[in-house]
Each structure stands twice: as C-alpha cells, then as structure tokens.
C-alpha cells in the first residue's frame, strides 16, 4: 500500500494531507487543521495513517515556510526512516494544486530556484512568502519541457537527454 502525503509546515505547526485519486484529504488532529508539532507527531501520524512497516510505502512531499520553528532536517530524517516507494510519483501540477488549495487567495506558481516555492500573496501588494519544497524519495519536479511537432505533446526531458538531442540535431545540420 502506498501513502502519498504532504506535510505543510508553518511556524511550529504541521498540516497533514493525503493525496488519493486526484483528491486532497485533510487529516485533522482533534478537529484542528494543524498539529502543534512535538516529539509525538510521528507516532500520531503512524497511527492515523495505519502505517505498517514492510507493507506500507510512503511518497512524501514537504512544504515548509521559510524561517519555520521546526528543525526541517530532523523532520526529514524522521520521514526517511519509513519505507518509501522506489521512485516518487509527485508531479508539479499536483503540488501546485495542493499548494493552491492550502494558500487560498494567492497566485500560485512553483518556480525552480534552489528548490524553493515562491508564493506571491495577491492580498498584500508586493509581499512575497518563500517556501522550501522537499520530496522523498528525492525527485526533481523541474525537468526541461519540450513540445514535439510529431506528437504535439509535452515530454519530460532531462539535461543529458537534451544535450544528446541537441548534438544529434547539430550533426544533422552539418550533413545537410
């Protein structure tokens, strides 16, 4: 069983969300949207998620507001103790949708700047909130995207593939 979940960390609180069948499900703590972070958080999360070692695999996305009170490295270290999927299935659009749902009233765009999410608050002119994005197991959401003429669809292309494609095209140009 795979648990695809997102933790949104702000100040000293965590919001826990599951992403299932293209729907966001908020996991409340005693009726509250946020869990005031403490050493028992991971135990609580294991219990509500019904995590079973050796049976359950996690696919985790963590969104952390810049300057949070929670030690992110320690939190991520705790997450890495759990069995994970071999390759994360998080997609940029999914993360944007969830962030857009959570940060209502803001213009949401995930931009690749040292794996940070830059969020412009449309309610306060000129205010920019900075968030850090972590995926476990690690995944780069920001592949180069190219449109092919033949299929007219977007393909994900890594840097190495792009290098060889460009090199092949230059060789073809020289031969012609």
Protein backbone atom coordinates (compact mmCIF):
# COMPACT_ATOMS: atom_id res chain seq x y z
CA UNK A 1 0.00 0.00 0.00
CA UNK A 2 1.31 3.48 -0.89
CA UNK A 3 0.62 6.60 1.16
CA UNK A 4 1.08 9.73 -0.89
CA UNK A 5 1.09 12.54 1.61
CA UNK A 6 2.08 16.15 2.02
CA UNK A 7 3.15 17.89 5.19
CA UNK A 8 2.76 21.66 5.23
CA UNK A 9 4.90 23.23 7.94
CA UNK A 10 4.37 26.77 9.14
CA UNK A 11 5.88 28.22 12.33
CA UNK A 12 5.53 25.38 14.87
CA UNK A 13 2.57 23.57 13.28
CA UNK A 14 2.08 20.87 10.64
CA UNK A 15 -0.89 20.29 8.37
CA UNK A 16 -1.17 16.71 7.11
CA UNK A 17 -2.77 15.97 3.74
CA UNK A 18 -3.23 12.78 1.76
CA UNK A 19 -3.45 12.82 -2.00
CA UNK A 20 -5.65 9.97 -3.24
CA UNK A 21 -7.34 9.55 -6.61
CA UNK A 22 -6.61 13.19 -7.54
CA UNK A 23 -8.31 14.43 -4.38
CA UNK A 24 -6.83 16.19 -1.37
CA UNK A 25 -7.83 14.81 2.02
CA UNK A 26 -7.04 16.84 5.13
CA UNK A 27 -6.17 14.74 8.19
CA UNK A 28 -7.34 16.68 11.21
CA UNK A 29 -5.89 16.48 14.69
CA UNK A 30 -8.66 16.58 17.31
CA UNK A 31 -10.76 18.72 14.95
CA UNK A 32 -7.96 21.17 14.14
CA UNK A 33 -6.37 21.56 10.70
CA UNK A 34 -2.91 21.88 12.24
CA UNK A 35 -0.99 19.72 14.68
CA UNK A 36 1.18 21.75 17.04
CA UNK A 37 4.47 19.98 16.40
CA UNK A 38 6.07 18.00 19.20
CA UNK A 39 8.01 14.75 19.61
CA UNK A 40 4.79 12.69 19.41
CA UNK A 41 3.84 13.89 15.92
CA UNK A 42 5.34 10.91 14.06
CA UNK A 43 3.61 8.47 16.44
CA UNK A 44 0.29 10.25 15.83
CA UNK A 45 0.88 10.20 12.05
CA UNK A 46 1.72 6.47 12.08
CA UNK A 47 -1.50 5.76 13.97
CA UNK A 48 -3.85 7.82 11.76
CA UNK A 49 -2.22 6.61 8.54
CA UNK A 50 -2.24 2.97 9.65
CA UNK A 51 1.39 2.73 8.60
CA UNK A 52 2.71 -0.84 8.75
CA UNK A 53 6.44 -1.39 8.31
CA UNK A 54 7.20 -3.74 5.41
CA UNK A 55 3.68 -3.36 4.00
CA UNK A 56 3.22 0.39 3.58
CA UNK A 57 5.39 2.67 1.44
CA UNK A 58 5.40 6.45 1.69
CA UNK A 59 5.64 9.02 -1.10
CA UNK A 60 6.09 12.31 0.74
CA UNK A 61 6.11 15.96 -0.20
CA UNK A 62 7.02 18.53 2.47
CA UNK A 63 6.29 22.23 2.06
CA UNK A 64 7.98 24.33 4.70
CA UNK A 65 7.64 28.08 5.15
CA UNK A 66 11.00 29.85 5.27
CA UNK A 67 12.03 30.50 8.86
CA UNK A 68 9.82 27.87 10.48
CA UNK A 69 10.42 26.94 14.13
CA UNK A 70 10.60 23.22 13.32
CA UNK A 71 14.01 21.64 12.59
CA UNK A 72 13.38 20.55 8.98
CA UNK A 73 16.49 18.37 8.73
CA UNK A 74 15.39 16.42 11.81
CA UNK A 75 11.83 16.13 10.48
CA UNK A 76 13.07 14.86 7.10
CA UNK A 77 15.38 12.44 8.93
CA UNK A 78 12.31 11.02 10.70
CA UNK A 79 10.45 10.66 7.38
CA UNK A 80 13.40 8.79 5.84
CA UNK A 81 13.07 6.07 8.49
CA UNK A 82 9.87 4.89 6.81
CA UNK A 83 9.75 2.53 3.84
CA UNK A 84 9.37 4.58 0.68
CA UNK A 85 8.36 3.95 -2.90
CA UNK A 86 11.30 3.34 -5.22
CA UNK A 87 10.52 6.48 -7.24
CA UNK A 88 8.32 9.39 -6.19
CA UNK A 89 5.18 9.89 -8.26
CA UNK A 90 4.66 13.56 -7.30
CA UNK A 91 4.05 15.82 -10.29
CA UNK A 92 4.50 19.58 -10.44
CA UNK A 93 0.78 20.12 -11.23
CA UNK A 94 -0.30 18.06 -8.20
CA UNK A 95 1.93 20.09 -5.90
CA UNK A 96 0.65 23.35 -7.43
CA UNK A 97 -2.97 22.20 -6.93
CA UNK A 98 -2.40 21.30 -3.29
CA UNK A 99 -0.43 24.47 -2.57
CA UNK A 100 -3.14 26.48 -4.33
CA UNK A 101 -5.81 24.84 -2.17
CA UNK A 102 -3.85 25.47 1.02
CA UNK A 103 -2.70 29.02 0.23
CA UNK A 104 -6.06 30.40 -0.93
CA UNK A 105 -6.14 33.88 -2.38
CA UNK A 106 -2.57 33.75 -3.63
CA UNK A 107 -1.12 33.50 -7.09
CA UNK A 108 0.50 30.06 -7.05
CA UNK A 109 3.43 29.16 -9.26
CA UNK A 110 6.22 26.76 -8.39
CA UNK A 111 9.46 28.16 -9.68
CA UNK A 112 12.77 26.37 -9.67
CA UNK A 113 15.03 28.49 -7.55
CA UNK A 114 17.15 26.27 -5.33
CA UNK A 115 14.05 24.04 -4.81
CA UNK A 116 12.05 26.91 -3.32
CA UNK A 117 8.43 27.68 -3.91
CA UNK A 118 7.94 31.40 -4.39
CA UNK A 119 4.40 32.41 -3.42
CA UNK A 120 3.11 35.87 -4.22
CA UNK A 121 0.36 36.98 -1.87
CA UNK A 122 -2.23 38.70 -4.05
CA UNK A 123 -3.91 40.17 -0.96
CA UNK A 124 -0.89 42.27 0.05
CA UNK A 125 0.71 44.05 -2.88
CA UNK A 126 4.39 43.25 -3.26
CA UNK A 127 4.53 40.70 -0.39
CA UNK A 128 6.40 37.50 -1.22
CA UNK A 129 6.40 34.45 1.01
CA UNK A 130 9.19 31.93 0.49
CA UNK A 131 8.64 28.21 0.98
CA UNK A 132 11.01 25.24 0.69
CA UNK A 133 9.91 22.10 -1.11
CA UNK A 134 11.20 18.61 -0.31
CA UNK A 135 10.21 15.35 -1.99
CA UNK A 136 11.03 11.92 -0.51
CA UNK A 137 12.28 9.87 -2.19
CA UNK A 138 14.03 12.77 -3.94
CA UNK A 139 12.67 13.85 -7.30
CA UNK A 140 13.27 16.87 -9.49
CA UNK A 141 9.90 18.36 -10.46
CA UNK A 142 11.54 20.70 -12.91
CA UNK A 143 12.57 18.70 -15.99
CA UNK A 144 13.02 20.71 -19.15
CA UNK A 145 9.79 20.51 -21.11
CA UNK A 146 9.77 20.39 -24.91
CA UNK A 147 6.92 20.23 -27.40
CA UNK A 148 7.36 17.74 -30.23
CA UNK A 149 5.96 18.60 -33.65
CA UNK A 150 5.08 14.99 -34.45
CA UNK A 151 3.01 14.22 -31.37
CA UNK A 152 2.25 17.77 -30.21
CA UNK A 153 2.51 16.81 -26.58
CA UNK A 154 4.82 17.75 -23.73
CA UNK A 155 7.63 15.33 -22.95
CA UNK A 156 9.83 15.40 -19.88
CA UNK A 157 13.45 15.64 -20.88
CA UNK A 158 16.46 15.64 -18.59
CA UNK A 159 19.64 17.65 -19.14
CA UNK A 160 21.67 14.73 -20.52
CA UNK A 161 18.94 13.75 -22.99
CA UNK A 162 18.69 17.39 -24.12
CA UNK A 163 22.46 17.54 -24.65
CA UNK A 164 22.45 14.46 -26.92
CA UNK A 165 19.34 15.59 -28.80
CA UNK A 166 20.95 18.98 -29.50
CA UNK A 167 24.22 17.29 -30.51
CA UNK A 168 22.37 14.96 -32.91
CA UNK A 169 20.50 17.90 -34.44
CA UNK A 170 23.79 19.79 -34.99
CA UNK A 171 25.29 16.75 -36.76
CA UNK A 172 22.19 16.53 -38.99
CA UNK A 173 22.51 20.26 -39.79
CA UNK A 174 26.17 19.81 -40.78
CA UNK A 175 25.34 16.86 -43.08
CA UNK A 176 22.57 18.85 -44.81
